[in-house]
Amino acid sequence: MDTLSLRVLPLGHLRCQYFRIVDGYDENVMYDSPVSALLIRHPTLGNVLYDTGNSPYHRREYGDDITRVYPVENFRSIEDALQSEGLTCEDIDMIILSHLHFDHVGGLRYFQNSKAIKNVVVSERELWNACRSVFTGEEGGAYVKSLFDVGGVIYRPIRDTTDLAPDLTLFIQEAHTPGVIGLAIKTQTMGQIIVTSDTVYTRETWEKSLPPGGPINKGTKEFLSNLDRLKQMQEQRHATMLFGHDNEQIAAWSKKGVIK
């Protein structure tokens, strides 16, 4: 392997009110919010996984509030998704967690006793925020202690923009949570791709500059400031955007297969 390749792994969906994705909609409008991970096969870094999806024990582990507001209606494990690519969890060399909310870190337990569990990249601010939330009993959050406090895990915190390789850059966003890691990826066939994670949920969010609703997101000021930054990055890099929970986009990119 001499070039980077990218694959979107679909991991089921949550069912939620659409105003929690794009603010301003009637509370009766519902949405199937896709859950996904990215598999990056890299010539020097090895197999890199961005996010891990939901926990297989979500019904008993997530608690009443999360289960009521964001029920997991369709679940696919990261283990199963990797198997479809001819890989096991033991084949992953590095895990990057965009942030530590339940639907991004819930599959971390599959990597216990693997080499990847000792090489988990997260932003320092996000790790601090998640620990503060679970150890102070903060209400209304989307952090679940058992999901990221996994036996054997070693976190590799980053504080700022980090180049893992010339074609793979991590950048930290202060929106949605205080430290969401986004990706800037250089590909041969699609050029630059910018991965927003949950700072921009959907194309509608992007095009209409509409923030999400609901209590788990940081405020509108942080959202708009980060959105401006992303639009500048997109213009400078002539990049294609990949959003965090866009149903149509995740489905379409999943069908693309491997992107080189």
C-alpha atoms as a PDB file:
ATOM      1  CA  MET A   1       0.000   0.000   0.000  1.00  0.00           C
ATOM      2  CA  ASP A   2       1.610   3.248  -1.133  1.00  0.00           C
ATOM      3  CA  THR A   3      -1.299   5.700  -0.849  1.00  0.00           C
ATOM      4  CA  LEU A   4      -3.968   6.546   1.699  1.00  0.00           C
ATOM      5  CA  SER A   5      -7.436   5.058   1.298  1.00  0.00           C
ATOM      6  CA  LEU A   6     -10.659   5.987   3.054  1.00  0.00           C
ATOM      7  CA  ARG A   7     -13.812   3.977   3.741  1.00  0.00           C
ATOM      8  CA  VAL A   8     -17.018   5.131   5.446  1.00  0.00           C
ATOM      9  CA  LEU A   9     -18.348   2.374   7.703  1.00  0.00           C
ATOM     10  CA  PRO A  10     -22.112   2.607   8.404  1.00  0.00           C
ATOM     11  CA  LEU A  11     -22.994   1.623  11.979  1.00  0.00           C
ATOM     12  CA  GLY A  12     -26.779   1.914  12.111  1.00  0.00           C
ATOM     13  CA  HIS A  13     -28.750   4.918  13.304  1.00  0.00           C
ATOM     14  CA  LEU A  14     -30.359   6.767  16.188  1.00  0.00           C
ATOM     15  CA  ARG A  15     -33.946   8.013  16.072  1.00  0.00           C
ATOM     16  CA  CYS A  16     -34.418  11.557  17.308  1.00  0.00           C
ATOM     17  CA  GLN A  17     -36.375  14.768  16.843  1.00  0.00           C
ATOM     18  CA  TYR A  18     -34.967  16.699  13.896  1.00  0.00           C
ATOM     19  CA  PHE A  19     -34.787  19.988  15.792  1.00  0.00           C
ATOM     20  CA  ARG A  20     -31.928  18.428  17.778  1.00  0.00           C
ATOM     21  CA  ILE A  21     -30.040  18.187  14.475  1.00  0.00           C
ATOM     22  CA  VAL A  22     -31.218  21.453  12.874  1.00  0.00           C
ATOM     23  CA  ASP A  23     -32.869  23.928  15.231  1.00  0.00           C
ATOM     24  CA  GLY A  24     -36.246  25.459  14.421  1.00  0.00           C
ATOM     25  CA  TYR A  25     -38.174  22.389  13.295  1.00  0.00           C
ATOM     26  CA  ASP A  26     -41.417  21.223  14.872  1.00  0.00           C
ATOM     27  CA  GLU A  27     -40.849  18.742  17.695  1.00  0.00           C
ATOM     28  CA  ASN A  28     -42.950  16.144  15.875  1.00  0.00           C
ATOM     29  CA  VAL A  29     -40.532  15.944  12.928  1.00  0.00           C
ATOM     30  CA  MET A  30     -38.351  12.858  13.436  1.00  0.00           C
ATOM     31  CA  TYR A  31     -35.005  11.865  11.926  1.00  0.00           C
ATOM     32  CA  ASP A  32     -32.925   8.734  11.488  1.00  0.00           C
ATOM     33  CA  SER A  33     -29.499  10.022  12.502  1.00  0.00           C
ATOM     34  CA  PRO A  34     -26.774   7.812  10.996  1.00  0.00           C
ATOM     35  CA  VAL A  35     -23.875   6.545  13.085  1.00  0.00           C
ATOM     36  CA  SER A  36     -20.607   5.876  11.283  1.00  0.00           C
ATOM     37  CA  ALA A  37     -16.862   5.424  11.554  1.00  0.00           C
ATOM     38  CA  LEU A  38     -14.045   6.044   9.088  1.00  0.00           C
ATOM     39  CA  LEU A  39     -11.418   3.465   8.237  1.00  0.00           C
ATOM     40  CA  ILE A  40      -8.203   4.997   6.935  1.00  0.00           C
ATOM     41  CA  ARG A  41      -5.575   2.642   5.551  1.00  0.00           C
ATOM     42  CA  HIS A  42      -2.306   4.531   5.533  1.00  0.00           C
ATOM     43  CA  PRO A  43       1.105   3.583   4.108  1.00  0.00           C
ATOM     44  CA  THR A  44       3.010   4.706   7.222  1.00  0.00           C
ATOM     45  CA  LEU A  45       0.420   4.865  10.025  1.00  0.00           C
ATOM     46  CA  GLY A  46      -1.207   1.523   9.307  1.00  0.00           C
ATOM     47  CA  ASN A  47      -4.934   1.017   9.870  1.00  0.00           C
ATOM     48  CA  VAL A  48      -6.450   4.106  11.510  1.00  0.00           C
ATOM     49  CA  LEU A  49     -10.024   4.167  12.815  1.00  0.00           C
ATOM     50  CA  TYR A  50     -11.934   7.411  13.399  1.00  0.00           C
ATOM     51  CA  ASP A  51     -14.716   6.756  15.945  1.00  0.00           C
ATOM     52  CA  THR A  52     -16.222   3.446  17.053  1.00  0.00           C
ATOM     53  CA  GLY A  53     -20.023   3.814  17.074  1.00  0.00           C
ATOM     54  CA  ASN A  54     -22.454   2.668  19.750  1.00  0.00           C
ATOM     55  CA  SER A  55     -22.109   0.191  22.586  1.00  0.00           C
ATOM     56  CA  PRO A  56     -23.626  -3.280  22.097  1.00  0.00           C
ATOM     57  CA  TYR A  57     -25.120  -2.807  25.586  1.00  0.00           C
ATOM     58  CA  HIS A  58     -26.754   0.528  24.819  1.00  0.00           C
ATOM     59  CA  ARG A  59     -30.157  -0.483  26.217  1.00  0.00           C
ATOM     60  CA  ARG A  60     -28.832  -0.899  29.751  1.00  0.00           C
ATOM     61  CA  GLU A  61     -25.732   1.294  29.608  1.00  0.00           C
ATOM     62  CA  TYR A  62     -26.908   4.634  28.238  1.00  0.00           C
ATOM     63  CA  GLY A  63     -29.378   5.575  30.943  1.00  0.00           C
ATOM     64  CA  ASP A  64     -32.958   6.763  30.722  1.00  0.00           C
ATOM     65  CA  ASP A  65     -32.324  10.259  29.312  1.00  0.00           C
ATOM     66  CA  ILE A  66     -30.147   9.215  26.377  1.00  0.00           C
ATOM     67  CA  THR A  67     -32.321   6.190  25.605  1.00  0.00           C
ATOM     68  CA  ARG A  68     -35.447   8.342  25.582  1.00  0.00           C
ATOM     69  CA  VAL A  69     -34.050  11.190  23.454  1.00  0.00           C
ATOM     70  CA  TYR A  70     -31.607   9.306  21.195  1.00  0.00           C
ATOM     71  CA  PRO A  71     -32.739   5.660  21.073  1.00  0.00           C
ATOM     72  CA  VAL A  72     -30.559   3.313  19.044  1.00  0.00           C
ATOM     73  CA  GLU A  73     -33.039   1.884  16.551  1.00  0.00           C
ATOM     74  CA  ASN A  74     -30.522   0.149  14.327  1.00  0.00           C
ATOM     75  CA  PHE A  75     -27.202  -1.155  15.652  1.00  0.00           C
ATOM     76  CA  ARG A  76     -24.177  -2.443  13.794  1.00  0.00           C
ATOM     77  CA  SER A  77     -21.010  -3.102  15.739  1.00  0.00           C
ATOM     78  CA  ILE A  78     -17.633  -1.738  14.719  1.00  0.00           C
ATOM     79  CA  GLU A  79     -16.395  -5.319  14.938  1.00  0.00           C
ATOM     80  CA  ASP A  80     -18.882  -6.418  12.287  1.00  0.00           C
ATOM     81  CA  ALA A  81     -18.086  -3.401  10.091  1.00  0.00           C
ATOM     82  CA  LEU A  82     -14.361  -4.164  10.186  1.00  0.00           C
ATOM     83  CA  GLN A  83     -14.991  -7.819   9.381  1.00  0.00           C
ATOM     84  CA  SER A  84     -16.796  -6.720   6.228  1.00  0.00           C
ATOM     85  CA  GLU A  85     -13.517  -5.053   5.214  1.00  0.00           C
ATOM     86  CA  GLY A  86     -11.499  -8.183   5.913  1.00  0.00           C
ATOM     87  CA  LEU A  87     -10.126  -6.853   9.202  1.00  0.00           C
ATOM     88  CA  THR A  88     -10.410  -7.593  12.906  1.00  0.00           C
ATOM     89  CA  CYS A  89     -10.130  -5.174  15.820  1.00  0.00           C
ATOM     90  CA  GLU A  90      -6.595  -6.504  16.366  1.00  0.00           C
ATOM     91  CA  ASP A  91      -5.626  -5.161  12.926  1.00  0.00           C
ATOM     92  CA  ILE A  92      -6.248  -1.531  13.918  1.00  0.00           C
ATOM     93  CA  ASP A  93      -3.092   0.422  14.791  1.00  0.00           C
ATOM     94  CA  MET A  94      -4.586   3.721  15.974  1.00  0.00           C
ATOM     95  CA  ILE A  95      -7.985   5.004  17.068  1.00  0.00           C
ATOM     96  CA  ILE A  96      -8.915   8.666  16.778  1.00  0.00           C
ATOM     97  CA  LEU A  97     -12.001   9.661  18.767  1.00  0.00           C
ATOM     98  CA  SER A  98     -13.652  12.780  17.396  1.00  0.00           C
ATOM     99  CA  HIS A  99     -15.159  13.262  20.865  1.00  0.00           C
ATOM    100  CA  LEU A 100     -16.373  11.096  23.731  1.00  0.00           C
ATOM    101  CA  HIS A 101     -20.151  11.134  23.270  1.00  0.00           C
ATOM    102  CA  PHE A 102     -21.856   7.747  23.481  1.00  0.00           C
ATOM    103  CA  ASP A 103     -22.368   7.174  19.743  1.00  0.00           C
ATOM    104  CA  HIS A 104     -18.701   7.784  18.931  1.00  0.00           C
ATOM    105  CA  VAL A 105     -16.920   5.974  21.764  1.00  0.00           C
ATOM    106  CA  GLY A 106     -19.367   3.134  22.491  1.00  0.00           C
ATOM    107  CA  GLY A 107     -17.419   0.550  20.486  1.00  0.00           C
ATOM    108  CA  LEU A 108     -14.096   1.174  22.218  1.00  0.00           C
ATOM    109  CA  ARG A 109     -14.555  -1.954  24.369  1.00  0.00           C
ATOM    110  CA  TYR A 110     -14.150  -4.151  21.273  1.00  0.00           C
ATOM    111  CA  PHE A 111     -10.479  -3.141  21.219  1.00  0.00           C
ATOM    112  CA  GLN A 112      -9.571  -4.286  24.722  1.00  0.00           C
ATOM    113  CA  ASN A 113      -6.300  -6.257  24.672  1.00  0.00           C
ATOM    114  CA  SER A 114      -5.501  -4.956  21.187  1.00  0.00           C
ATOM    115  CA  LYS A 115      -2.599  -2.700  20.212  1.00  0.00           C
ATOM    116  CA  ALA A 116      -5.045   0.067  19.289  1.00  0.00           C
ATOM    117  CA  ILE A 117      -6.344   0.416  22.869  1.00  0.00           C
ATOM    118  CA  LYS A 118      -2.919   1.759  23.827  1.00  0.00           C
ATOM    119  CA  ASN A 119      -2.938   4.318  21.036  1.00  0.00           C
ATOM    120  CA  VAL A 120      -6.188   6.294  21.308  1.00  0.00           C
ATOM    121  CA  VAL A 121      -5.989   9.917  20.178  1.00  0.00           C
ATOM    122  CA  VAL A 122      -8.368  12.438  21.737  1.00  0.00           C
ATOM    123  CA  SER A 123      -8.225  16.174  22.342  1.00  0.00           C
ATOM    124  CA  GLU A 124      -7.063  17.155  25.806  1.00  0.00           C
ATOM    125  CA  ARG A 125      -9.981  19.532  26.322  1.00  0.00           C
ATOM    126  CA  GLU A 126     -12.471  16.847  25.346  1.00  0.00           C
ATOM    127  CA  LEU A 127     -10.979  14.317  27.743  1.00  0.00           C
ATOM    128  CA  TRP A 128     -11.045  16.849  30.555  1.00  0.00           C
ATOM    129  CA  ASN A 129     -14.640  17.830  29.775  1.00  0.00           C
ATOM    130  CA  ALA A 130     -15.863  14.229  29.666  1.00  0.00           C
ATOM    131  CA  CYS A 131     -14.196  13.400  32.988  1.00  0.00           C
ATOM    132  CA  ARG A 132     -15.606  16.536  34.614  1.00  0.00           C
ATOM    133  CA  SER A 133     -19.075  15.625  33.369  1.00  0.00           C
ATOM    134  CA  VAL A 134     -19.163  12.021  34.595  1.00  0.00           C
ATOM    135  CA  PHE A 135     -17.328  12.577  37.883  1.00  0.00           C
ATOM    136  CA  THR A 136     -19.489  15.530  38.921  1.00  0.00           C
ATOM    137  CA  GLY A 137     -22.806  13.939  37.961  1.00  0.00           C
ATOM    138  CA  GLU A 138     -23.618  16.617  35.399  1.00  0.00           C
ATOM    139  CA  GLU A 139     -27.166  16.310  34.133  1.00  0.00           C
ATOM    140  CA  GLY A 140     -28.210  16.261  30.495  1.00  0.00           C
ATOM    141  CA  GLY A 141     -24.857  15.277  29.010  1.00  0.00           C
ATOM    142  CA  ALA A 142     -24.047  12.607  26.441  1.00  0.00           C
ATOM    143  CA  TYR A 143     -21.003  11.167  28.219  1.00  0.00           C
ATOM    144  CA  VAL A 144     -21.177   7.680  29.741  1.00  0.00           C
ATOM    145  CA  LYS A 145     -18.228   6.777  31.971  1.00  0.00           C
ATOM    146  CA  SER A 146     -18.124   3.055  31.178  1.00  0.00           C
ATOM    147  CA  LEU A 147     -17.754   3.781  27.460  1.00  0.00           C
ATOM    148  CA  PHE A 148     -14.463   5.659  27.621  1.00  0.00           C
ATOM    149  CA  ASP A 149     -13.125   4.326  30.942  1.00  0.00           C
ATOM    150  CA  VAL A 150     -12.246   1.012  29.308  1.00  0.00           C
ATOM    151  CA  GLY A 151      -9.688  -1.320  30.842  1.00  0.00           C
ATOM    152  CA  GLY A 152      -6.231  -0.923  29.335  1.00  0.00           C
ATOM    153  CA  VAL A 153      -6.992   2.253  27.402  1.00  0.00           C
ATOM    154  CA  ILE A 154      -4.151   4.726  26.989  1.00  0.00           C
ATOM    155  CA  TYR A 155      -5.169   8.116  25.658  1.00  0.00           C
ATOM    156  CA  ARG A 156      -2.791  10.231  23.577  1.00  0.00           C
ATOM    157  CA  PRO A 157      -4.142  13.767  24.113  1.00  0.00           C
ATOM    158  CA  ILE A 158      -3.479  16.498  21.580  1.00  0.00           C
ATOM    159  CA  ARG A 159      -3.817  20.208  22.268  1.00  0.00           C
ATOM    160  CA  ASP A 160      -3.772  21.763  18.817  1.00  0.00           C
ATOM    161  CA  THR A 161      -3.602  21.052  15.097  1.00  0.00           C
ATOM    162  CA  THR A 162      -1.547  17.892  14.603  1.00  0.00           C
ATOM    163  CA  ASP A 163      -0.135  16.462  11.374  1.00  0.00           C
ATOM    164  CA  LEU A 164      -0.092  12.690  11.727  1.00  0.00           C
ATOM    165  CA  ALA A 165       1.235  12.514   8.169  1.00  0.00           C
ATOM    166  CA  PRO A 166       1.467  14.915   5.190  1.00  0.00           C
ATOM    167  CA  ASP A 167      -1.936  13.683   4.004  1.00  0.00           C
ATOM    168  CA  LEU A 168      -3.712  13.420   7.386  1.00  0.00           C
ATOM    169  CA  THR A 169      -4.172  16.387   9.718  1.00  0.00           C
ATOM    170  CA  LEU A 170      -6.174  16.602  12.946  1.00  0.00           C
ATOM    171  CA  PHE A 171      -7.654  19.928  14.047  1.00  0.00           C
ATOM    172  CA  ILE A 172      -9.558  20.777  17.212  1.00  0.00           C
ATOM    173  CA  GLN A 173     -12.971  22.461  17.118  1.00  0.00           C
ATOM    174  CA  GLU A 174     -14.573  24.284  20.036  1.00  0.00           C
ATOM    175  CA  ALA A 175     -18.158  23.581  19.045  1.00  0.00           C
ATOM    176  CA  HIS A 176     -20.657  20.845  19.994  1.00  0.00           C
ATOM    177  CA  THR A 177     -18.222  19.980  22.800  1.00  0.00           C
ATOM    178  CA  PRO A 178     -15.069  21.879  23.835  1.00  0.00           C
ATOM    179  CA  GLY A 179     -12.700  19.688  21.831  1.00  0.00           C
ATOM    180  CA  VAL A 180     -14.092  17.886  18.774  1.00  0.00           C
ATOM    181  CA  ILE A 181     -11.344  16.552  16.489  1.00  0.00           C
ATOM    182  CA  GLY A 182     -11.917  17.142  12.782  1.00  0.00           C
ATOM    183  CA  LEU A 183      -9.881  15.632   9.958  1.00  0.00           C
ATOM    184  CA  ALA A 184      -8.301  17.084   6.841  1.00  0.00           C
ATOM    185  CA  ILE A 185      -7.494  14.233   4.463  1.00  0.00           C
ATOM    186  CA  LYS A 186      -5.697  14.391   1.103  1.00  0.00           C
ATOM    187  CA  THR A 187      -6.901  11.802  -1.395  1.00  0.00           C
ATOM    188  CA  GLN A 188      -5.883  11.156  -4.999  1.00  0.00           C
ATOM    189  CA  THR A 189      -9.363  10.855  -6.494  1.00  0.00           C
ATOM    190  CA  MET A 190     -11.368  13.404  -4.483  1.00  0.00           C
ATOM    191  CA  GLY A 191      -8.676  15.860  -3.468  1.00  0.00           C
ATOM    192  CA  GLN A 192      -8.993  17.278   0.030  1.00  0.00           C
ATOM    193  CA  ILE A 193     -11.755  16.049   2.316  1.00  0.00           C
ATOM    194  CA  ILE A 194     -12.653  17.848   5.552  1.00  0.00           C
ATOM    195  CA  VAL A 195     -14.460  15.734   8.153  1.00  0.00           C
ATOM    196  CA  THR A 196     -16.459  17.879  10.590  1.00  0.00           C
ATOM    197  CA  SER A 197     -17.834  15.268  12.991  1.00  0.00           C
ATOM    198  CA  ASP A 198     -20.723  16.674  15.035  1.00  0.00           C
ATOM    199  CA  THR A 199     -19.815  20.360  14.782  1.00  0.00           C
ATOM    200  CA  VAL A 200     -21.808  20.280  11.524  1.00  0.00           C
ATOM    201  CA  TYR A 201     -24.440  17.576  11.506  1.00  0.00           C
ATOM    202  CA  THR A 202     -25.865  17.894   7.991  1.00  0.00           C
ATOM    203  CA  ARG A 203     -25.610  19.649   4.641  1.00  0.00           C
ATOM    204  CA  GLU A 204     -28.638  21.736   5.620  1.00  0.00           C
ATOM    205  CA  THR A 205     -26.716  22.885   8.698  1.00  0.00           C
ATOM    206  CA  TRP A 206     -23.794  23.864   6.459  1.00  0.00           C
ATOM    207  CA  GLU A 207     -25.737  25.593   3.700  1.00  0.00           C
ATOM    208  CA  LYS A 208     -28.212  27.493   5.897  1.00  0.00           C
ATOM    209  CA  SER A 209     -25.876  28.170   8.860  1.00  0.00           C
ATOM    210  CA  LEU A 210     -28.456  26.650  11.193  1.00  0.00           C
ATOM    211  CA  PRO A 211     -27.219  25.458  14.605  1.00  0.00           C
ATOM    212  CA  PRO A 212     -28.499  22.278  16.230  1.00  0.00           C
ATOM    213  CA  GLY A 213     -31.007  22.370  19.069  1.00  0.00           C
ATOM    214  CA  GLY A 214     -31.035  20.423  22.309  1.00  0.00           C
ATOM    215  CA  PRO A 215     -28.912  20.717  25.461  1.00  0.00           C
ATOM    216  CA  ILE A 216     -25.922  18.553  24.529  1.00  0.00           C
ATOM    217  CA  ASN A 217     -24.493  21.145  22.127  1.00  0.00           C
ATOM    218  CA  LYS A 218     -22.381  24.141  23.014  1.00  0.00           C
ATOM    219  CA  GLY A 219     -23.958  27.511  22.225  1.00  0.00           C
ATOM    220  CA  THR A 220     -24.799  29.165  18.922  1.00  0.00           C
ATOM    221  CA  LYS A 221     -21.844  31.564  19.186  1.00  0.00           C
ATOM    222  CA  GLU A 222     -19.356  28.670  19.220  1.00  0.00           C
ATOM    223  CA  PHE A 223     -21.217  26.932  16.393  1.00  0.00           C
ATOM    224  CA  LEU A 224     -21.143  29.990  14.115  1.00  0.00           C
ATOM    225  CA  SER A 225     -17.504  30.775  14.881  1.00  0.00           C
ATOM    226  CA  ASN A 226     -16.470  27.213  14.042  1.00  0.00           C
ATOM    227  CA  LEU A 227     -18.654  27.202  10.935  1.00  0.00           C
ATOM    228  CA  ASP A 228     -16.848  30.324   9.651  1.00  0.00           C
ATOM    229  CA  ARG A 229     -13.517  28.629  10.279  1.00  0.00           C
ATOM    230  CA  LEU A 230     -14.592  25.492   8.396  1.00  0.00           C
ATOM    231  CA  LYS A 231     -15.843  27.516   5.432  1.00  0.00           C
ATOM    232  CA  GLN A 232     -12.500  29.298   5.227  1.00  0.00           C
ATOM    233  CA  MET A 233     -10.717  25.947   5.332  1.00  0.00           C
ATOM    234  CA  GLN A 234     -13.014  24.559   2.656  1.00  0.00           C
ATOM    235  CA  GLU A 235     -12.365  27.524   0.358  1.00  0.00           C
ATOM    236  CA  GLN A 236      -8.603  27.507   0.895  1.00  0.00           C
ATOM    237  CA  ARG A 237      -8.281  23.764   0.300  1.00  0.00           C
ATOM    238  CA  HIS A 238     -11.040  23.420  -2.339  1.00  0.00           C
ATOM    239  CA  ALA A 239     -12.224  20.607  -0.098  1.00  0.00           C
ATOM    240  CA  THR A 240     -15.215  18.297  -0.107  1.00  0.00           C
ATOM    241  CA  MET A 241     -17.039  18.315   3.223  1.00  0.00           C
ATOM    242  CA  LEU A 242     -18.105  15.185   5.100  1.00  0.00           C
ATOM    243  CA  PHE A 243     -20.679  15.958   7.798  1.00  0.00           C
ATOM    244  CA  GLY A 244     -21.303  14.164  11.078  1.00  0.00           C
ATOM    245  CA  HIS A 245     -24.866  12.834  10.841  1.00  0.00           C
ATOM    246  CA  ASP A 246     -26.154  13.567   7.343  1.00  0.00           C
ATOM    247  CA  ASN A 247     -28.389  10.626   6.429  1.00  0.00           C
ATOM    248  CA  GLU A 248     -28.175  10.971   2.659  1.00  0.00           C
ATOM    249  CA  GLN A 249     -24.453  11.702   2.599  1.00  0.00           C
ATOM    250  CA  ILE A 250     -23.432   8.864   4.901  1.00  0.00           C
ATOM    251  CA  ALA A 251     -25.533   6.430   2.847  1.00  0.00           C
ATOM    252  CA  ALA A 252     -24.035   7.681  -0.423  1.00  0.00           C
ATOM    253  CA  TRP A 253     -20.449   7.623   0.808  1.00  0.00           C
ATOM    254  CA  SER A 254     -20.908   4.170   2.302  1.00  0.00           C
ATOM    255  CA  LYS A 255     -21.863   2.949  -1.169  1.00  0.00           C
ATOM    256  CA  LYS A 256     -18.797   4.568  -2.761  1.00  0.00           C
ATOM    257  CA  GLY A 257     -16.597   1.841  -1.389  1.00  0.00           C
ATOM    258  CA  VAL A 258     -12.912   2.613  -0.939  1.00  0.00           C
ATOM    259  CA  ILE A 259     -11.846   6.172  -1.723  1.00  0.00           C
ATOM    260  CA  LYS A 260      -8.209   6.596  -2.744  1.00  0.00           C
END
